[in-house]
All heavy atoms as atom14 arrays in JSON, in Angstrom:
{
  "sequence": "YMTSGGIAHYADSVKGRFTISRDNAKNTVSLQMN",
  "atom14_mask": [
    [1, 1, 1, 1, 1, 1, 1, 1, 1, 1, 1, 1, 0, 0],
    [1, 1, 1, 1, 1, 1, 1, 1, 0, 0, 0, 0, 0, 0],
    [1, 1, 1, 1, 1, 1, 1, 0, 0, 0, 0, 0, 0, 0],
    [1, 1, 1, 1, 1, 1, 0, 0, 0, 0, 0, 0, 0, 0],
    [1, 1, 1, 1, 0, 0, 0, 0, 0, 0, 0, 0, 0, 0],
    [1, 1, 1, 1, 0, 0, 0, 0, 0, 0, 0, 0, 0, 0],
    [1, 1, 1, 1, 1, 1, 1, 1, 0, 0, 0, 0, 0, 0],
    [1, 1, 1, 1, 1, 0, 0, 0, 0, 0, 0, 0, 0, 0],
    [1, 1, 1, 1, 1, 1, 1, 1, 1, 1, 0, 0, 0, 0],
    [1, 1, 1, 1, 1, 1, 1, 1, 1, 1, 1, 1, 0, 0],
    [1, 1, 1, 1, 1, 0, 0, 0, 0, 0, 0, 0, 0, 0],
    [1, 1, 1, 1, 1, 1, 1, 1, 0, 0, 0, 0, 0, 0],
    [1, 1, 1, 1, 1, 1, 0, 0, 0, 0, 0, 0, 0, 0],
    [1, 1, 1, 1, 1, 1, 1, 0, 0, 0, 0, 0, 0, 0],
    [1, 1, 1, 1, 1, 1, 1, 1, 1, 0, 0, 0, 0, 0],
    [1, 1, 1, 1, 0, 0, 0, 0, 0, 0, 0, 0, 0, 0],
    [1, 1, 1, 1, 1, 1, 1, 1, 1, 1, 1, 0, 0, 0],
    [1, 1, 1, 1, 1, 1, 1, 1, 1, 1, 1, 0, 0, 0],
    [1, 1, 1, 1, 1, 1, 1, 0, 0, 0, 0, 0, 0, 0],
    [1, 1, 1, 1, 1, 1, 1, 1, 0, 0, 0, 0, 0, 0],
    [1, 1, 1, 1, 1, 1, 0, 0, 0, 0, 0, 0, 0, 0],
    [1, 1, 1, 1, 1, 1, 1, 1, 1, 1, 1, 0, 0, 0],
    [1, 1, 1, 1, 1, 1, 1, 1, 0, 0, 0, 0, 0, 0],
    [1, 1, 1, 1, 1, 1, 1, 1, 0, 0, 0, 0, 0, 0],
    [1, 1, 1, 1, 1, 0, 0, 0, 0, 0, 0, 0, 0, 0],
    [1, 1, 1, 1, 1, 1, 1, 1, 1, 0, 0, 0, 0, 0],
    [1, 1, 1, 1, 1, 1, 1, 1, 0, 0, 0, 0, 0, 0],
    [1, 1, 1, 1, 1, 1, 1, 0, 0, 0, 0, 0, 0, 0],
    [1, 1, 1, 1, 1, 1, 1, 0, 0, 0, 0, 0, 0, 0],
    [1, 1, 1, 1, 1, 1, 0, 0, 0, 0, 0, 0, 0, 0],
    [1, 1, 1, 1, 1, 1, 1, 1, 0, 0, 0, 0, 0, 0],
    [1, 1, 1, 1, 1, 1, 1, 1, 1, 0, 0, 0, 0, 0],
    [1, 1, 1, 1, 1, 1, 1, 1, 0, 0, 0, 0, 0, 0],
    [1, 1, 1, 1, 1, 1, 1, 1, 0, 0, 0, 0, 0, 0]
  ],
  "atom14_positions": [
    [[-45.84, 246.0, 335.12], [-45.62, 246.68, 336.38], [-46.97, 247.45, 336.73], [-47.82, 247.66, 335.83], [-44.45, 247.7, 336.35], [-44.56, 248.87, 335.34], [-45.26, 249.94, 335.67], [-43.87, 248.75, 334.17], [-45.35, 251.05, 334.77], [-43.91, 249.79, 333.27], [-44.7, 250.97, 333.58], [-44.76, 251.95, 332.6], [0.0, 0.0, 0.0], [0.0, 0.0, 0.0]],
    [[-47.06, 247.8, 337.95], [-48.33, 248.54, 338.4], [-47.91, 249.66, 339.32], [-47.08, 249.39, 340.3], [-49.3, 247.51, 338.96], [-50.6, 248.21, 339.46], [-51.8, 247.03, 340.04], [-52.46, 246.44, 338.53], [0.0, 0.0, 0.0], [0.0, 0.0, 0.0], [0.0, 0.0, 0.0], [0.0, 0.0, 0.0], [0.0, 0.0, 0.0], [0.0, 0.0, 0.0]],
    [[-48.52, 250.73, 339.19], [-48.2, 251.92, 340.18], [-49.05, 251.73, 341.37], [-49.99, 250.89, 341.4], [-48.63, 253.18, 339.47], [-50.09, 253.24, 339.36], [-47.95, 253.4, 338.08], [0.0, 0.0, 0.0], [0.0, 0.0, 0.0], [0.0, 0.0, 0.0], [0.0, 0.0, 0.0], [0.0, 0.0, 0.0], [0.0, 0.0, 0.0], [0.0, 0.0, 0.0]],
    [[-48.75, 252.45, 342.42], [-49.52, 252.39, 343.69], [-50.96, 252.84, 343.39], [-51.83, 252.47, 344.23], [-48.83, 253.34, 344.71], [-48.7, 254.59, 344.26], [0.0, 0.0, 0.0], [0.0, 0.0, 0.0], [0.0, 0.0, 0.0], [0.0, 0.0, 0.0], [0.0, 0.0, 0.0], [0.0, 0.0, 0.0], [0.0, 0.0, 0.0], [0.0, 0.0, 0.0]],
    [[-51.2, 253.64, 342.35], [-52.54, 254.05, 342.04], [-53.3, 253.01, 341.2], [-54.55, 253.23, 340.86], [0.0, 0.0, 0.0], [0.0, 0.0, 0.0], [0.0, 0.0, 0.0], [0.0, 0.0, 0.0], [0.0, 0.0, 0.0], [0.0, 0.0, 0.0], [0.0, 0.0, 0.0], [0.0, 0.0, 0.0], [0.0, 0.0, 0.0], [0.0, 0.0, 0.0]],
    [[-52.75, 251.92, 340.88], [-53.41, 250.83, 340.16], [-53.27, 250.86, 338.67], [-53.95, 250.06, 337.92], [0.0, 0.0, 0.0], [0.0, 0.0, 0.0], [0.0, 0.0, 0.0], [0.0, 0.0, 0.0], [0.0, 0.0, 0.0], [0.0, 0.0, 0.0], [0.0, 0.0, 0.0], [0.0, 0.0, 0.0], [0.0, 0.0, 0.0], [0.0, 0.0, 0.0]],
    [[-52.45, 251.71, 338.09], [-52.25, 251.73, 336.71], [-51.29, 250.65, 336.29], [-50.15, 250.6, 336.87], [-51.66, 253.08, 336.19], [-52.78, 254.18, 336.49], [-51.47, 253.06, 334.68], [-52.32, 255.53, 336.25], [0.0, 0.0, 0.0], [0.0, 0.0, 0.0], [0.0, 0.0, 0.0], [0.0, 0.0, 0.0], [0.0, 0.0, 0.0], [0.0, 0.0, 0.0]],
    [[-51.66, 249.73, 335.37], [-50.86, 248.67, 334.96], [-50.29, 248.88, 333.61], [-50.89, 249.51, 332.71], [-51.67, 247.31, 334.99], [0.0, 0.0, 0.0], [0.0, 0.0, 0.0], [0.0, 0.0, 0.0], [0.0, 0.0, 0.0], [0.0, 0.0, 0.0], [0.0, 0.0, 0.0], [0.0, 0.0, 0.0], [0.0, 0.0, 0.0], [0.0, 0.0, 0.0]],
    [[-49.1, 248.31, 333.34], [-48.46, 248.38, 332.05], [-47.94, 247.0, 331.73], [-47.41, 246.32, 332.66], [-47.31, 249.38, 331.92], [-46.64, 249.38, 330.66], [-45.58, 248.53, 330.38], [-46.79, 250.15, 329.53], [-45.14, 248.78, 329.15], [-45.92, 249.75, 328.64], [0.0, 0.0, 0.0], [0.0, 0.0, 0.0], [0.0, 0.0, 0.0], [0.0, 0.0, 0.0]],
    [[-48.09, 246.47, 330.46], [-47.63, 245.22, 330.13], [-46.76, 245.19, 328.8], [-47.01, 246.05, 327.93], [-48.79, 244.27, 329.75], [-49.75, 243.96, 330.9], [-50.8, 244.78, 331.2], [-49.48, 242.93, 331.8], [-51.65, 244.51, 332.27], [-50.35, 242.65, 332.88], [-51.39, 243.46, 333.07], [-52.19, 243.17, 334.19], [0.0, 0.0, 0.0], [0.0, 0.0, 0.0]],
    [[-45.74, 244.37, 328.85], [-45.05, 244.2, 327.57], [-45.98, 243.61, 326.5], [-46.87, 242.89, 326.81], [-43.85, 243.27, 327.77], [0.0, 0.0, 0.0], [0.0, 0.0, 0.0], [0.0, 0.0, 0.0], [0.0, 0.0, 0.0], [0.0, 0.0, 0.0], [0.0, 0.0, 0.0], [0.0, 0.0, 0.0], [0.0, 0.0, 0.0], [0.0, 0.0, 0.0]],
    [[-45.8, 243.93, 325.22], [-46.64, 243.51, 324.2], [-46.76, 242.01, 324.07], [-47.79, 241.42, 323.8], [-46.24, 244.05, 322.87], [-46.44, 245.54, 322.67], [-47.26, 246.12, 323.39], [-45.8, 246.17, 321.78], [0.0, 0.0, 0.0], [0.0, 0.0, 0.0], [0.0, 0.0, 0.0], [0.0, 0.0, 0.0], [0.0, 0.0, 0.0], [0.0, 0.0, 0.0]],
    [[-45.6, 241.34, 324.39], [-45.57, 239.94, 324.31], [-46.38, 239.18, 325.24], [-46.67, 237.96, 325.08], [-44.02, 239.39, 324.46], [-43.56, 239.85, 325.66], [0.0, 0.0, 0.0], [0.0, 0.0, 0.0], [0.0, 0.0, 0.0], [0.0, 0.0, 0.0], [0.0, 0.0, 0.0], [0.0, 0.0, 0.0], [0.0, 0.0, 0.0], [0.0, 0.0, 0.0]],
    [[-46.85, 239.85, 326.34], [-47.62, 239.14, 327.35], [-49.06, 239.67, 327.5], [-49.85, 239.15, 328.32], [-46.96, 239.22, 328.77], [-45.5, 238.72, 328.64], [-46.97, 240.59, 329.35], [0.0, 0.0, 0.0], [0.0, 0.0, 0.0], [0.0, 0.0, 0.0], [0.0, 0.0, 0.0], [0.0, 0.0, 0.0], [0.0, 0.0, 0.0], [0.0, 0.0, 0.0]],
    [[-49.42, 240.72, 326.75], [-50.67, 241.33, 326.85], [-51.78, 240.28, 326.52], [-51.67, 239.58, 325.57], [-50.83, 242.53, 325.88], [-50.23, 243.77, 326.36], [-50.35, 244.85, 325.36], [-49.71, 246.22, 325.88], [-49.85, 247.29, 324.88], [0.0, 0.0, 0.0], [0.0, 0.0, 0.0], [0.0, 0.0, 0.0], [0.0, 0.0, 0.0], [0.0, 0.0, 0.0]],
    [[-52.83, 240.21, 327.39], [-53.91, 239.29, 327.19], [-53.6, 237.9, 327.85], [-54.55, 237.08, 327.87], [0.0, 0.0, 0.0], [0.0, 0.0, 0.0], [0.0, 0.0, 0.0], [0.0, 0.0, 0.0], [0.0, 0.0, 0.0], [0.0, 0.0, 0.0], [0.0, 0.0, 0.0], [0.0, 0.0, 0.0], [0.0, 0.0, 0.0], [0.0, 0.0, 0.0]],
    [[-52.43, 237.61, 328.25], [-52.12, 236.34, 328.77], [-51.71, 236.58, 330.35], [-52.0, 235.66, 331.11], [-50.9, 235.66, 328.04], [-51.23, 235.49, 326.65], [-50.14, 234.66, 325.99], [-48.87, 235.27, 325.98], [-47.74, 234.78, 326.53], [-47.79, 233.66, 327.09], [-46.63, 235.44, 326.49], [0.0, 0.0, 0.0], [0.0, 0.0, 0.0], [0.0, 0.0, 0.0]],
    [[-50.99, 237.66, 330.69], [-50.51, 237.85, 331.98], [-51.35, 238.96, 332.65], [-51.79, 239.94, 332.01], [-49.09, 238.25, 332.01], [-48.12, 237.2, 331.58], [-48.48, 236.01, 331.03], [-46.72, 237.43, 331.76], [-47.55, 235.03, 330.63], [-45.79, 236.5, 331.42], [-46.25, 235.25, 330.87], [0.0, 0.0, 0.0], [0.0, 0.0, 0.0], [0.0, 0.0, 0.0]],
    [[-51.53, 238.79, 334.01], [-52.27, 239.84, 334.75], [-51.52, 240.13, 336.0], [-51.17, 239.21, 336.74], [-53.72, 239.41, 335.06], [-54.4, 239.02, 333.91], [-54.38, 240.51, 335.88], [0.0, 0.0, 0.0], [0.0, 0.0, 0.0], [0.0, 0.0, 0.0], [0.0, 0.0, 0.0], [0.0, 0.0, 0.0], [0.0, 0.0, 0.0], [0.0, 0.0, 0.0]],
    [[-51.23, 241.43, 336.15], [-50.49, 241.83, 337.41], [-51.54, 242.32, 338.38], [-52.52, 243.03, 338.04], [-49.4, 242.89, 337.09], [-48.52, 243.08, 338.34], [-50.0, 244.18, 336.57], [-47.3, 243.94, 337.98], [0.0, 0.0, 0.0], [0.0, 0.0, 0.0], [0.0, 0.0, 0.0], [0.0, 0.0, 0.0], [0.0, 0.0, 0.0], [0.0, 0.0, 0.0]],
    [[-51.24, 242.1, 339.63], [-52.07, 242.68, 340.73], [-51.19, 243.0, 341.93], [-50.1, 242.43, 342.09], [-53.21, 241.69, 341.14], [-52.67, 240.51, 341.57], [0.0, 0.0, 0.0], [0.0, 0.0, 0.0], [0.0, 0.0, 0.0], [0.0, 0.0, 0.0], [0.0, 0.0, 0.0], [0.0, 0.0, 0.0], [0.0, 0.0, 0.0], [0.0, 0.0, 0.0]],
    [[-51.64, 243.87, 342.76], [-50.89, 244.15, 343.98], [-51.74, 244.55, 345.11], [-52.86, 245.09, 344.86], [-49.77, 245.36, 343.66], [-50.35, 246.7, 343.22], [-49.31, 247.73, 342.96], [-48.61, 248.08, 344.2], [-47.71, 249.04, 344.25], [-47.22, 249.62, 343.17], [-47.18, 249.38, 345.33], [0.0, 0.0, 0.0], [0.0, 0.0, 0.0], [0.0, 0.0, 0.0]],
    [[-51.21, 244.42, 346.33], [-51.93, 244.81, 347.49], [-51.11, 245.85, 348.21], [-50.08, 245.49, 348.85], [-52.24, 243.53, 348.36], [-53.01, 243.93, 349.64], [-52.87, 244.97, 350.16], [-53.69, 242.98, 350.03], [0.0, 0.0, 0.0], [0.0, 0.0, 0.0], [0.0, 0.0, 0.0], [0.0, 0.0, 0.0], [0.0, 0.0, 0.0], [0.0, 0.0, 0.0]],
    [[-51.41, 247.12, 348.19], [-50.58, 248.15, 348.73], [-50.42, 247.96, 350.33], [-49.42, 248.32, 350.91], [-51.17, 249.5, 348.45], [-51.0, 249.88, 346.95], [-50.15, 249.36, 346.25], [-51.85, 250.77, 346.48], [0.0, 0.0, 0.0], [0.0, 0.0, 0.0], [0.0, 0.0, 0.0], [0.0, 0.0, 0.0], [0.0, 0.0, 0.0], [0.0, 0.0, 0.0]],
    [[-51.55, 247.6, 350.91], [-51.47, 247.46, 352.36], [-50.48, 246.42, 352.83], [-49.84, 246.48, 353.83], [-52.97, 247.12, 352.91], [0.0, 0.0, 0.0], [0.0, 0.0, 0.0], [0.0, 0.0, 0.0], [0.0, 0.0, 0.0], [0.0, 0.0, 0.0], [0.0, 0.0, 0.0], [0.0, 0.0, 0.0], [0.0, 0.0, 0.0], [0.0, 0.0, 0.0]],
    [[-50.38, 245.24, 352.03], [-49.48, 244.22, 352.33], [-48.18, 244.28, 351.62], [-47.26, 243.46, 351.85], [-50.12, 242.84, 351.99], [-51.4, 242.62, 352.76], [-51.98, 241.2, 352.43], [-53.19, 240.91, 353.25], [-53.8, 239.54, 352.89], [0.0, 0.0, 0.0], [0.0, 0.0, 0.0], [0.0, 0.0, 0.0], [0.0, 0.0, 0.0], [0.0, 0.0, 0.0]],
    [[-48.04, 245.29, 350.75], [-46.83, 245.41, 349.92], [-46.44, 244.08, 349.18], [-45.36, 243.57, 349.21], [-45.6, 245.79, 350.8], [-45.32, 247.29, 350.83], [-45.96, 248.02, 350.06], [-44.52, 247.75, 351.74], [0.0, 0.0, 0.0], [0.0, 0.0, 0.0], [0.0, 0.0, 0.0], [0.0, 0.0, 0.0], [0.0, 0.0, 0.0], [0.0, 0.0, 0.0]],
    [[-47.51, 243.62, 348.45], [-47.22, 242.39, 347.68], [-47.72, 242.69, 346.23], [-48.47, 243.5, 345.98], [-48.04, 241.19, 348.21], [-49.42, 241.58, 348.21], [-47.63, 240.83, 349.57], [0.0, 0.0, 0.0], [0.0, 0.0, 0.0], [0.0, 0.0, 0.0], [0.0, 0.0, 0.0], [0.0, 0.0, 0.0], [0.0, 0.0, 0.0], [0.0, 0.0, 0.0]],
    [[-47.07, 241.97, 345.4], [-47.41, 242.04, 343.9], [-47.41, 240.6, 343.42], [-46.56, 239.81, 343.79], [-46.45, 242.95, 343.09], [-45.02, 242.39, 343.17], [-46.89, 243.15, 341.74], [0.0, 0.0, 0.0], [0.0, 0.0, 0.0], [0.0, 0.0, 0.0], [0.0, 0.0, 0.0], [0.0, 0.0, 0.0], [0.0, 0.0, 0.0], [0.0, 0.0, 0.0]],
    [[-48.36, 240.29, 342.5], [-48.48, 238.96, 341.94], [-48.54, 239.02, 340.39], [-49.01, 240.12, 339.84], [-49.74, 238.33, 342.49], [-49.6, 238.07, 343.84], [0.0, 0.0, 0.0], [0.0, 0.0, 0.0], [0.0, 0.0, 0.0], [0.0, 0.0, 0.0], [0.0, 0.0, 0.0], [0.0, 0.0, 0.0], [0.0, 0.0, 0.0], [0.0, 0.0, 0.0]],
    [[-48.21, 237.98, 339.77], [-48.32, 237.94, 338.31], [-48.93, 236.58, 337.95], [-48.41, 235.52, 338.21], [-46.92, 238.08, 337.7], [-46.87, 238.12, 336.18], [-47.51, 239.48, 335.71], [-45.44, 237.98, 335.57], [0.0, 0.0, 0.0], [0.0, 0.0, 0.0], [0.0, 0.0, 0.0], [0.0, 0.0, 0.0], [0.0, 0.0, 0.0], [0.0, 0.0, 0.0]],
    [[-50.08, 236.7, 337.45], [-50.83, 235.5, 336.96], [-50.53, 235.27, 335.5], [-50.75, 236.19, 334.75], [-52.35, 235.66, 337.14], [-53.16, 234.52, 336.62], [-52.98, 233.2, 337.41], [-52.88, 233.21, 338.66], [-52.88, 232.05, 336.73], [0.0, 0.0, 0.0], [0.0, 0.0, 0.0], [0.0, 0.0, 0.0], [0.0, 0.0, 0.0], [0.0, 0.0, 0.0]],
    [[-49.89, 234.1, 335.22], [-49.51, 233.9, 333.85], [-50.27, 232.76, 333.22], [-50.13, 231.65, 333.76], [-48.0, 233.56, 333.83], [-47.1, 234.57, 334.53], [-45.33, 234.3, 334.43], [-45.25, 232.85, 335.46], [0.0, 0.0, 0.0], [0.0, 0.0, 0.0], [0.0, 0.0, 0.0], [0.0, 0.0, 0.0], [0.0, 0.0, 0.0], [0.0, 0.0, 0.0]],
    [[-51.0, 233.07, 332.23], [-51.81, 232.02, 331.52], [-51.31, 231.86, 330.05], [-50.6, 232.73, 329.54], [-53.29, 232.43, 331.48], [-53.89, 232.6, 332.87], [-53.53, 231.91, 333.86], [-54.91, 233.51, 333.08], [0.0, 0.0, 0.0], [0.0, 0.0, 0.0], [0.0, 0.0, 0.0], [0.0, 0.0, 0.0], [0.0, 0.0, 0.0], [0.0, 0.0, 0.0]]
  ]
}
């Protein structure tokens, strides 16, 4: 998850593999899973 201020938190099982991003202006959130 990511706060509106840009602070991200990840579950231990996905750290280093998944990346969360969001666009506050568009109210969108994405999850890149590698």
